[in-house]
Amino acid sequence: MTDLIHAQENKLVDRLNVIYLLSIIGGVSSTLLNHHELLDILFIISSVVHFKNDFPFKNKYLQMISSSVFISQLGHINLTWFFAYMFQITICGLETLLINIGLNLSHIFLV
């Protein structure tokens, strides 16, 4: 849902539809061709790329590294912590969370 809202706000709905269509075609194709490992790899990569925007660092590499670490740890994270992350980071923003716990790191975040 947030993808659609973001796409509408930035006039990128056509691009989002192409991404969705390619995802469906890729998923069905890899299943029909019995390439489940490829589908898993593509899912991990797309998750890293998707979640990188949840880490609002100015440095794009730091965004990608943070997202990669996050995705790699999902199998070890308690669901309560994951839901807390989803609410606080994606809805309220990471910078708000850090300020709420007394850390002001605005010099490394987008402002």
C-alpha atoms as a PDB file:
ATOM      1  CA  MET A   1       0.000   0.000   0.000  1.00  0.00           C
ATOM      2  CA  THR A   2       2.793   2.436   0.842  1.00  0.00           C
ATOM      3  CA  ASP A   3       4.376   1.665  -2.541  1.00  0.00           C
ATOM      4  CA  LEU A   4       1.223   2.785  -4.308  1.00  0.00           C
ATOM      5  CA  ILE A   5       0.899   5.944  -2.216  1.00  0.00           C
ATOM      6  CA  HIS A   6       4.564   6.804  -2.846  1.00  0.00           C
ATOM      7  CA  ALA A   7       4.151   6.099  -6.573  1.00  0.00           C
ATOM      8  CA  GLN A   8       1.055   8.320  -6.785  1.00  0.00           C
ATOM      9  CA  GLU A   9       2.740  11.163  -4.920  1.00  0.00           C
ATOM     10  CA  ASN A  10       5.778  11.001  -7.226  1.00  0.00           C
ATOM     11  CA  LYS A  11       3.868  10.241 -10.441  1.00  0.00           C
ATOM     12  CA  LEU A  12       5.503   6.813 -10.761  1.00  0.00           C
ATOM     13  CA  VAL A  13       2.424   4.570 -10.946  1.00  0.00           C
ATOM     14  CA  ASP A  14       3.296   3.321 -14.459  1.00  0.00           C
ATOM     15  CA  ARG A  15       6.791   2.344 -13.305  1.00  0.00           C
ATOM     16  CA  LEU A  16       5.334   0.582 -10.267  1.00  0.00           C
ATOM     17  CA  ASN A  17       2.928  -1.364 -12.489  1.00  0.00           C
ATOM     18  CA  VAL A  18       5.848  -2.499 -14.670  1.00  0.00           C
ATOM     19  CA  ILE A  19       7.716  -3.655 -11.561  1.00  0.00           C
ATOM     20  CA  TYR A  20       4.666  -5.578 -10.366  1.00  0.00           C
ATOM     21  CA  LEU A  21       4.158  -7.146 -13.800  1.00  0.00           C
ATOM     22  CA  LEU A  22       7.819  -8.195 -14.069  1.00  0.00           C
ATOM     23  CA  SER A  23       7.654  -9.636 -10.565  1.00  0.00           C
ATOM     24  CA  ILE A  24       4.643 -11.744 -11.468  1.00  0.00           C
ATOM     25  CA  ILE A  25       6.175 -12.911 -14.751  1.00  0.00           C
ATOM     26  CA  GLY A  26       9.479 -13.707 -13.025  1.00  0.00           C
ATOM     27  CA  GLY A  27       7.778 -15.600 -10.225  1.00  0.00           C
ATOM     28  CA  VAL A  28       5.579 -17.669 -12.499  1.00  0.00           C
ATOM     29  CA  SER A  29       8.427 -18.346 -14.948  1.00  0.00           C
ATOM     30  CA  SER A  30      10.882 -19.486 -12.295  1.00  0.00           C
ATOM     31  CA  THR A  31       8.216 -21.721 -10.761  1.00  0.00           C
ATOM     32  CA  LEU A  32       7.277 -23.274 -14.102  1.00  0.00           C
ATOM     33  CA  LEU A  33      10.965 -23.806 -14.941  1.00  0.00           C
ATOM     34  CA  ASN A  34      11.557 -25.259 -11.476  1.00  0.00           C
ATOM     35  CA  HIS A  35      14.130 -22.595 -10.509  1.00  0.00           C
ATOM     36  CA  HIS A  36      12.997 -22.015  -6.939  1.00  0.00           C
ATOM     37  CA  GLU A  37      16.507 -20.972  -5.824  1.00  0.00           C
ATOM     38  CA  LEU A  38      16.492 -18.162  -8.370  1.00  0.00           C
ATOM     39  CA  LEU A  39      13.147 -16.967  -7.054  1.00  0.00           C
ATOM     40  CA  ASP A  40      14.514 -16.975  -3.488  1.00  0.00           C
ATOM     41  CA  ILE A  41      17.584 -14.979  -4.531  1.00  0.00           C
ATOM     42  CA  LEU A  42      15.498 -12.441  -6.448  1.00  0.00           C
ATOM     43  CA  PHE A  43      13.167 -12.068  -3.474  1.00  0.00           C
ATOM     44  CA  ILE A  44      16.091 -11.375  -1.116  1.00  0.00           C
ATOM     45  CA  ILE A  45      17.626  -8.845  -3.514  1.00  0.00           C
ATOM     46  CA  SER A  46      14.327  -7.058  -4.086  1.00  0.00           C
ATOM     47  CA  SER A  47      13.708  -6.958  -0.315  1.00  0.00           C
ATOM     48  CA  VAL A  48      17.107  -5.352   0.272  1.00  0.00           C
ATOM     49  CA  VAL A  49      16.435  -2.760  -2.429  1.00  0.00           C
ATOM     50  CA  HIS A  50      12.918  -2.113  -1.102  1.00  0.00           C
ATOM     51  CA  PHE A  51      13.903  -1.712   2.551  1.00  0.00           C
ATOM     52  CA  LYS A  52      16.943   0.491   1.836  1.00  0.00           C
ATOM     53  CA  ASN A  53      14.610   3.499   1.795  1.00  0.00           C
ATOM     54  CA  ASP A  54      13.636   2.753   5.403  1.00  0.00           C
ATOM     55  CA  PHE A  55      17.170   3.695   6.438  1.00  0.00           C
ATOM     56  CA  PRO A  56      17.290   7.432   5.728  1.00  0.00           C
ATOM     57  CA  PHE A  57      21.055   7.854   5.725  1.00  0.00           C
ATOM     58  CA  LYS A  58      22.568  10.349   3.320  1.00  0.00           C
ATOM     59  CA  ASN A  59      25.055   7.723   2.156  1.00  0.00           C
ATOM     60  CA  LYS A  60      23.456   5.292  -0.336  1.00  0.00           C
ATOM     61  CA  TYR A  61      25.996   2.569   0.533  1.00  0.00           C
ATOM     62  CA  LEU A  62      25.104   2.862   4.215  1.00  0.00           C
ATOM     63  CA  GLN A  63      21.426   2.508   3.260  1.00  0.00           C
ATOM     64  CA  MET A  64      22.145  -0.670   1.290  1.00  0.00           C
ATOM     65  CA  ILE A  65      24.382  -2.155   3.991  1.00  0.00           C
ATOM     66  CA  SER A  66      21.807  -1.415   6.698  1.00  0.00           C
ATOM     67  CA  SER A  67      19.058  -2.968   4.617  1.00  0.00           C
ATOM     68  CA  SER A  68      21.186  -6.043   3.865  1.00  0.00           C
ATOM     69  CA  VAL A  69      21.966  -6.588   7.545  1.00  0.00           C
ATOM     70  CA  PHE A  70      18.313  -6.111   8.436  1.00  0.00           C
ATOM     71  CA  ILE A  71      17.113  -8.631   5.837  1.00  0.00           C
ATOM     72  CA  SER A  72      19.809 -11.133   6.808  1.00  0.00           C
ATOM     73  CA  GLN A  73      18.659 -11.018  10.435  1.00  0.00           C
ATOM     74  CA  LEU A  74      14.912 -11.406   9.872  1.00  0.00           C
ATOM     75  CA  GLY A  75      15.053 -15.134  10.580  1.00  0.00           C
ATOM     76  CA  HIS A  76      16.481 -14.381  14.021  1.00  0.00           C
ATOM     77  CA  ILE A  77      14.234 -11.478  15.028  1.00  0.00           C
ATOM     78  CA  ASN A  78      11.292 -11.950  17.368  1.00  0.00           C
ATOM     79  CA  LEU A  79       8.026 -10.952  15.656  1.00  0.00           C
ATOM     80  CA  THR A  80       7.320  -8.394  18.378  1.00  0.00           C
ATOM     81  CA  TRP A  81      10.563  -6.585  17.488  1.00  0.00           C
ATOM     82  CA  PHE A  82       9.769  -6.835  13.784  1.00  0.00           C
ATOM     83  CA  PHE A  83       6.310  -5.283  14.268  1.00  0.00           C
ATOM     84  CA  ALA A  84       7.861  -2.554  16.432  1.00  0.00           C
ATOM     85  CA  TYR A  85      10.319  -1.874  13.614  1.00  0.00           C
ATOM     86  CA  MET A  86       7.574  -1.813  10.990  1.00  0.00           C
ATOM     87  CA  PHE A  87       5.533   0.663  13.010  1.00  0.00           C
ATOM     88  CA  GLN A  88       8.282   2.929  14.287  1.00  0.00           C
ATOM     89  CA  ILE A  89      10.625   3.016  11.312  1.00  0.00           C
ATOM     90  CA  THR A  90       8.290   2.840   8.355  1.00  0.00           C
ATOM     91  CA  ILE A  91       5.509   4.971   9.828  1.00  0.00           C
ATOM     92  CA  CYS A  92       7.264   7.359  12.195  1.00  0.00           C
ATOM     93  CA  GLY A  93      10.791   7.313  10.782  1.00  0.00           C
ATOM     94  CA  LEU A  94      14.135   6.243  12.171  1.00  0.00           C
ATOM     95  CA  GLU A  95      15.223   9.764  13.037  1.00  0.00           C
ATOM     96  CA  THR A  96      12.085  10.255  15.171  1.00  0.00           C
ATOM     97  CA  LEU A  97      12.858   7.025  17.031  1.00  0.00           C
ATOM     98  CA  LEU A  98      16.433   8.090  17.755  1.00  0.00           C
ATOM     99  CA  ILE A  99      15.337  11.538  18.918  1.00  0.00           C
ATOM    100  CA  ASN A 100      12.730   9.918  21.180  1.00  0.00           C
ATOM    101  CA  ILE A 101      15.453   7.876  22.868  1.00  0.00           C
ATOM    102  CA  GLY A 102      17.698  10.914  23.224  1.00  0.00           C
ATOM    103  CA  LEU A 103      19.970  10.611  20.191  1.00  0.00           C
ATOM    104  CA  ASN A 104      20.080  13.434  17.681  1.00  0.00           C
ATOM    105  CA  LEU A 105      22.053  12.211  14.686  1.00  0.00           C
ATOM    106  CA  SER A 106      20.561  14.566  12.114  1.00  0.00           C
ATOM    107  CA  HIS A 107      23.983  15.168  10.582  1.00  0.00           C
ATOM    108  CA  ILE A 108      23.930  11.677   9.017  1.00  0.00           C
ATOM    109  CA  PHE A 109      20.236  11.557   8.107  1.00  0.00           C
ATOM    110  CA  LEU A 110      18.376  13.190   5.269  1.00  0.00           C
ATOM    111  CA  VAL A 111      16.671  16.321   6.488  1.00  0.00           C
END
